[in-house]
Amino acid sequence: MVFIKLDFGDVSKFLDVTSQLNCDFDLSQRGACVDGKSLIGVLALDLSQPIKVRVVSDSEVVKEKFLNMLKLQGIYYEVKESI
């Protein structure tokens, strides 16, 4: 499970990352779930709080590429093990 922290300036960087990968992204926070490739969806979330990201792909390569791309964009993330 991946959690990200975005500020307003990071939103376009995050959308650039998600648009380059051929899979879906679900962002969730406080019971709400939005499309991780949607500008309106991302902006509907509370950017002052951590956002849970689910990469909708069975490929570990895609998931690792996503994390590497976040790092290159300077977007803070934290990986937590599922319980």
N, C-alpha and C. Protein backbone atom coordinates (compact mmCIF):
# COMPACT_ATOMS: atom_id res chain seq x y z
N MET A 1 0.85 -1.16 0.00
CA MET A 1 0.00 0.00 0.00
C MET A 1 0.90 1.24 0.00
N VAL A 2 0.58 2.19 -0.85
CA VAL A 2 1.38 3.39 -0.99
C VAL A 2 0.56 4.59 -0.54
N PHE A 3 1.19 5.45 0.25
CA PHE A 3 0.58 6.71 0.66
C PHE A 3 1.44 7.83 0.09
N ILE A 4 0.78 8.86 -0.46
CA ILE A 4 1.51 10.00 -1.00
C ILE A 4 1.08 11.26 -0.27
N LYS A 5 1.92 12.25 -0.37
CA LYS A 5 1.62 13.59 0.17
C LYS A 5 1.81 14.56 -0.98
N LEU A 6 0.74 15.23 -1.37
CA LEU A 6 0.81 16.18 -2.48
C LEU A 6 0.51 17.58 -1.98
N ASP A 7 1.21 18.56 -2.55
CA ASP A 7 0.76 19.93 -2.38
C ASP A 7 0.20 20.35 -3.74
N PHE A 8 -0.34 21.54 -3.83
CA PHE A 8 -1.00 21.96 -5.05
C PHE A 8 -0.06 21.88 -6.26
N GLY A 9 1.20 22.24 -6.05
CA GLY A 9 2.17 22.20 -7.13
C GLY A 9 2.54 20.80 -7.59
N ASP A 10 2.33 19.81 -6.73
CA ASP A 10 2.66 18.42 -7.08
C ASP A 10 1.56 17.74 -7.90
N VAL A 11 0.38 18.32 -7.93
CA VAL A 11 -0.75 17.66 -8.61
C VAL A 11 -0.43 17.42 -10.08
N SER A 12 0.07 18.41 -10.78
CA SER A 12 0.37 18.24 -12.20
C SER A 12 1.49 17.23 -12.41
N LYS A 13 2.48 17.20 -11.50
CA LYS A 13 3.55 16.21 -11.59
C LYS A 13 2.99 14.80 -11.41
N PHE A 14 2.10 14.65 -10.42
CA PHE A 14 1.50 13.35 -10.17
C PHE A 14 0.69 12.89 -11.38
N LEU A 15 -0.11 13.77 -11.95
CA LEU A 15 -0.93 13.42 -13.11
C LEU A 15 -0.05 13.09 -14.31
N ASP A 16 1.09 13.74 -14.43
CA ASP A 16 2.03 13.42 -15.50
C ASP A 16 2.54 11.99 -15.34
N VAL A 17 2.85 11.61 -14.11
CA VAL A 17 3.33 10.25 -13.83
C VAL A 17 2.23 9.23 -14.16
N THR A 18 1.04 9.44 -13.66
CA THR A 18 -0.03 8.45 -13.87
C THR A 18 -0.42 8.34 -15.34
N SER A 19 -0.34 9.44 -16.07
CA SER A 19 -0.72 9.40 -17.49
C SER A 19 0.28 8.62 -18.34
N GLN A 20 1.49 8.45 -17.84
CA GLN A 20 2.52 7.73 -18.60
C GLN A 20 2.46 6.21 -18.42
N LEU A 21 1.66 5.75 -17.47
CA LEU A 21 1.59 4.32 -17.19
C LEU A 21 0.25 3.76 -17.67
N ASN A 22 0.31 2.57 -18.25
CA ASN A 22 -0.87 1.95 -18.84
C ASN A 22 -1.61 1.11 -17.81
N CYS A 23 -2.13 1.76 -16.79
CA CYS A 23 -2.94 1.11 -15.76
C CYS A 23 -3.76 2.19 -15.07
N ASP A 24 -4.66 1.75 -14.23
CA ASP A 24 -5.49 2.70 -13.49
C ASP A 24 -4.92 2.92 -12.09
N PHE A 25 -5.31 4.03 -11.50
CA PHE A 25 -4.89 4.39 -10.15
C PHE A 25 -6.12 4.81 -9.38
N ASP A 26 -6.31 4.21 -8.21
CA ASP A 26 -7.39 4.61 -7.32
C ASP A 26 -6.78 5.36 -6.15
N LEU A 27 -7.26 6.57 -5.91
CA LEU A 27 -6.82 7.37 -4.77
C LEU A 27 -7.95 7.38 -3.76
N SER A 28 -7.62 7.12 -2.51
CA SER A 28 -8.68 7.12 -1.50
C SER A 28 -8.23 7.86 -0.26
N GLN A 29 -9.25 8.42 0.38
CA GLN A 29 -9.02 9.21 1.58
C GLN A 29 -10.36 9.41 2.27
N ARG A 30 -10.43 9.04 3.54
CA ARG A 30 -11.66 9.24 4.34
C ARG A 30 -12.91 8.67 3.67
N GLY A 31 -12.80 7.50 3.07
CA GLY A 31 -13.95 6.84 2.48
C GLY A 31 -14.25 7.24 1.05
N ALA A 32 -13.62 8.29 0.55
CA ALA A 32 -13.83 8.71 -0.84
C ALA A 32 -12.79 8.05 -1.73
N CYS A 33 -13.19 7.65 -2.93
CA CYS A 33 -12.27 7.05 -3.89
C CYS A 33 -12.41 7.79 -5.21
N VAL A 34 -11.27 8.22 -5.77
CA VAL A 34 -11.30 8.97 -7.03
C VAL A 34 -10.31 8.38 -8.01
N ASP A 35 -10.49 8.72 -9.27
CA ASP A 35 -9.61 8.29 -10.35
C ASP A 35 -8.29 9.06 -10.24
N GLY A 36 -7.19 8.32 -10.15
CA GLY A 36 -5.88 8.93 -10.00
C GLY A 36 -5.34 9.57 -11.26
N LYS A 37 -6.09 9.51 -12.36
CA LYS A 37 -5.68 10.18 -13.59
C LYS A 37 -6.57 11.39 -13.88
N SER A 38 -7.43 11.74 -12.93
CA SER A 38 -8.39 12.83 -13.10
C SER A 38 -7.98 14.05 -12.28
N LEU A 39 -7.79 15.17 -12.96
CA LEU A 39 -7.43 16.41 -12.27
C LEU A 39 -8.52 16.79 -11.26
N ILE A 40 -9.76 16.72 -11.67
CA ILE A 40 -10.85 17.09 -10.77
C ILE A 40 -10.91 16.13 -9.59
N GLY A 41 -10.70 14.83 -9.86
CA GLY A 41 -10.70 13.85 -8.78
C GLY A 41 -9.62 14.13 -7.75
N VAL A 42 -8.40 14.36 -8.21
CA VAL A 42 -7.28 14.62 -7.30
C VAL A 42 -7.53 15.90 -6.50
N LEU A 43 -8.01 16.94 -7.16
CA LEU A 43 -8.25 18.20 -6.46
C LEU A 43 -9.42 18.13 -5.49
N ALA A 44 -10.28 17.11 -5.63
CA ALA A 44 -11.40 16.94 -4.71
C ALA A 44 -10.94 16.41 -3.35
N LEU A 45 -9.71 15.87 -3.31
CA LEU A 45 -9.18 15.33 -2.05
C LEU A 45 -8.58 16.43 -1.19
N ASP A 46 -8.42 16.15 0.08
CA ASP A 46 -7.79 17.08 1.02
C ASP A 46 -6.28 16.93 0.88
N LEU A 47 -5.64 17.86 0.21
CA LEU A 47 -4.20 17.77 -0.06
C LEU A 47 -3.35 17.97 1.19
N SER A 48 -3.96 18.36 2.28
CA SER A 48 -3.19 18.52 3.52
C SER A 48 -3.04 17.19 4.27
N GLN A 49 -3.73 16.15 3.78
CA GLN A 49 -3.70 14.83 4.42
C GLN A 49 -3.09 13.80 3.47
N PRO A 50 -2.51 12.72 4.02
CA PRO A 50 -1.98 11.66 3.17
C PRO A 50 -3.08 11.02 2.32
N ILE A 51 -2.70 10.56 1.14
CA ILE A 51 -3.63 9.96 0.19
C ILE A 51 -3.16 8.54 -0.10
N LYS A 52 -4.07 7.58 0.01
CA LYS A 52 -3.73 6.19 -0.28
C LYS A 52 -3.87 5.95 -1.78
N VAL A 53 -2.85 5.31 -2.37
CA VAL A 53 -2.84 5.03 -3.80
C VAL A 53 -2.87 3.53 -4.02
N ARG A 54 -3.77 3.10 -4.89
CA ARG A 54 -3.79 1.70 -5.30
C ARG A 54 -3.50 1.66 -6.80
N VAL A 55 -2.40 1.00 -7.15
CA VAL A 55 -2.04 0.82 -8.55
C VAL A 55 -2.81 -0.41 -9.02
N VAL A 56 -3.69 -0.23 -9.99
CA VAL A 56 -4.53 -1.32 -10.47
C VAL A 56 -3.77 -2.06 -11.58
N SER A 57 -2.85 -2.91 -11.14
CA SER A 57 -2.04 -3.70 -12.05
C SER A 57 -1.47 -4.89 -11.29
N ASP A 58 -1.38 -6.01 -11.95
CA ASP A 58 -0.76 -7.19 -11.35
C ASP A 58 0.75 -7.19 -11.55
N SER A 59 1.24 -6.27 -12.36
CA SER A 59 2.65 -6.22 -12.70
C SER A 59 3.47 -5.49 -11.63
N GLU A 60 4.39 -6.20 -11.01
CA GLU A 60 5.29 -5.57 -10.04
C GLU A 60 6.21 -4.57 -10.74
N VAL A 61 6.51 -4.80 -12.00
CA VAL A 61 7.36 -3.89 -12.78
C VAL A 61 6.68 -2.52 -12.89
N VAL A 62 5.38 -2.52 -13.17
CA VAL A 62 4.63 -1.27 -13.29
C VAL A 62 4.62 -0.54 -11.95
N LYS A 63 4.41 -1.30 -10.88
CA LYS A 63 4.37 -0.68 -9.55
C LYS A 63 5.72 -0.07 -9.18
N GLU A 64 6.81 -0.77 -9.48
CA GLU A 64 8.15 -0.23 -9.20
C GLU A 64 8.44 0.99 -10.06
N LYS A 65 8.01 0.94 -11.32
CA LYS A 65 8.21 2.09 -12.21
C LYS A 65 7.47 3.30 -11.67
N PHE A 66 6.25 3.09 -11.17
CA PHE A 66 5.46 4.17 -10.59
C PHE A 66 6.21 4.82 -9.43
N LEU A 67 6.74 4.00 -8.52
CA LEU A 67 7.47 4.54 -7.37
C LEU A 67 8.73 5.28 -7.81
N ASN A 68 9.44 4.75 -8.79
CA ASN A 68 10.63 5.43 -9.31
C ASN A 68 10.28 6.77 -9.94
N MET A 69 9.17 6.81 -10.65
CA MET A 69 8.75 8.06 -11.29
C MET A 69 8.35 9.09 -10.24
N LEU A 70 7.69 8.65 -9.17
CA LEU A 70 7.36 9.58 -8.08
C LEU A 70 8.63 10.18 -7.50
N LYS A 71 9.62 9.32 -7.27
CA LYS A 71 10.88 9.78 -6.70
C LYS A 71 11.55 10.80 -7.62
N LEU A 72 11.56 10.52 -8.92
CA LEU A 72 12.17 11.46 -9.88
C LEU A 72 11.45 12.80 -9.89
N GLN A 73 10.14 12.80 -9.65
CA GLN A 73 9.36 14.04 -9.62
C GLN A 73 9.45 14.76 -8.28
N GLY A 74 10.08 14.11 -7.30
CA GLY A 74 10.20 14.73 -5.98
C GLY A 74 8.93 14.65 -5.16
N ILE A 75 8.08 13.67 -5.45
CA ILE A 75 6.83 13.50 -4.72
C ILE A 75 7.06 12.54 -3.57
N TYR A 76 6.72 12.99 -2.37
CA TYR A 76 6.93 12.16 -1.18
C TYR A 76 5.95 10.98 -1.18
N TYR A 77 6.46 9.80 -0.90
CA TYR A 77 5.60 8.64 -0.75
C TYR A 77 6.12 7.74 0.34
N GLU A 78 5.23 6.90 0.86
CA GLU A 78 5.60 5.93 1.89
C GLU A 78 4.88 4.63 1.55
N VAL A 79 5.62 3.53 1.58
CA VAL A 79 5.04 2.22 1.33
C VAL A 79 4.79 1.55 2.67
N LYS A 80 3.56 1.09 2.87
CA LYS A 80 3.20 0.40 4.10
C LYS A 80 2.69 -0.99 3.74
N GLU A 81 3.04 -1.96 4.55
CA GLU A 81 2.57 -3.32 4.33
C GLU A 81 1.09 -3.42 4.64
N SER A 82 0.37 -4.22 3.84
CA SER A 82 -1.04 -4.47 4.12
C SER A 82 -1.17 -5.42 5.30
N ILE A 83 -2.21 -5.23 6.07
CA ILE A 83 -2.45 -6.10 7.23
C ILE A 83 -3.49 -7.13 6.87
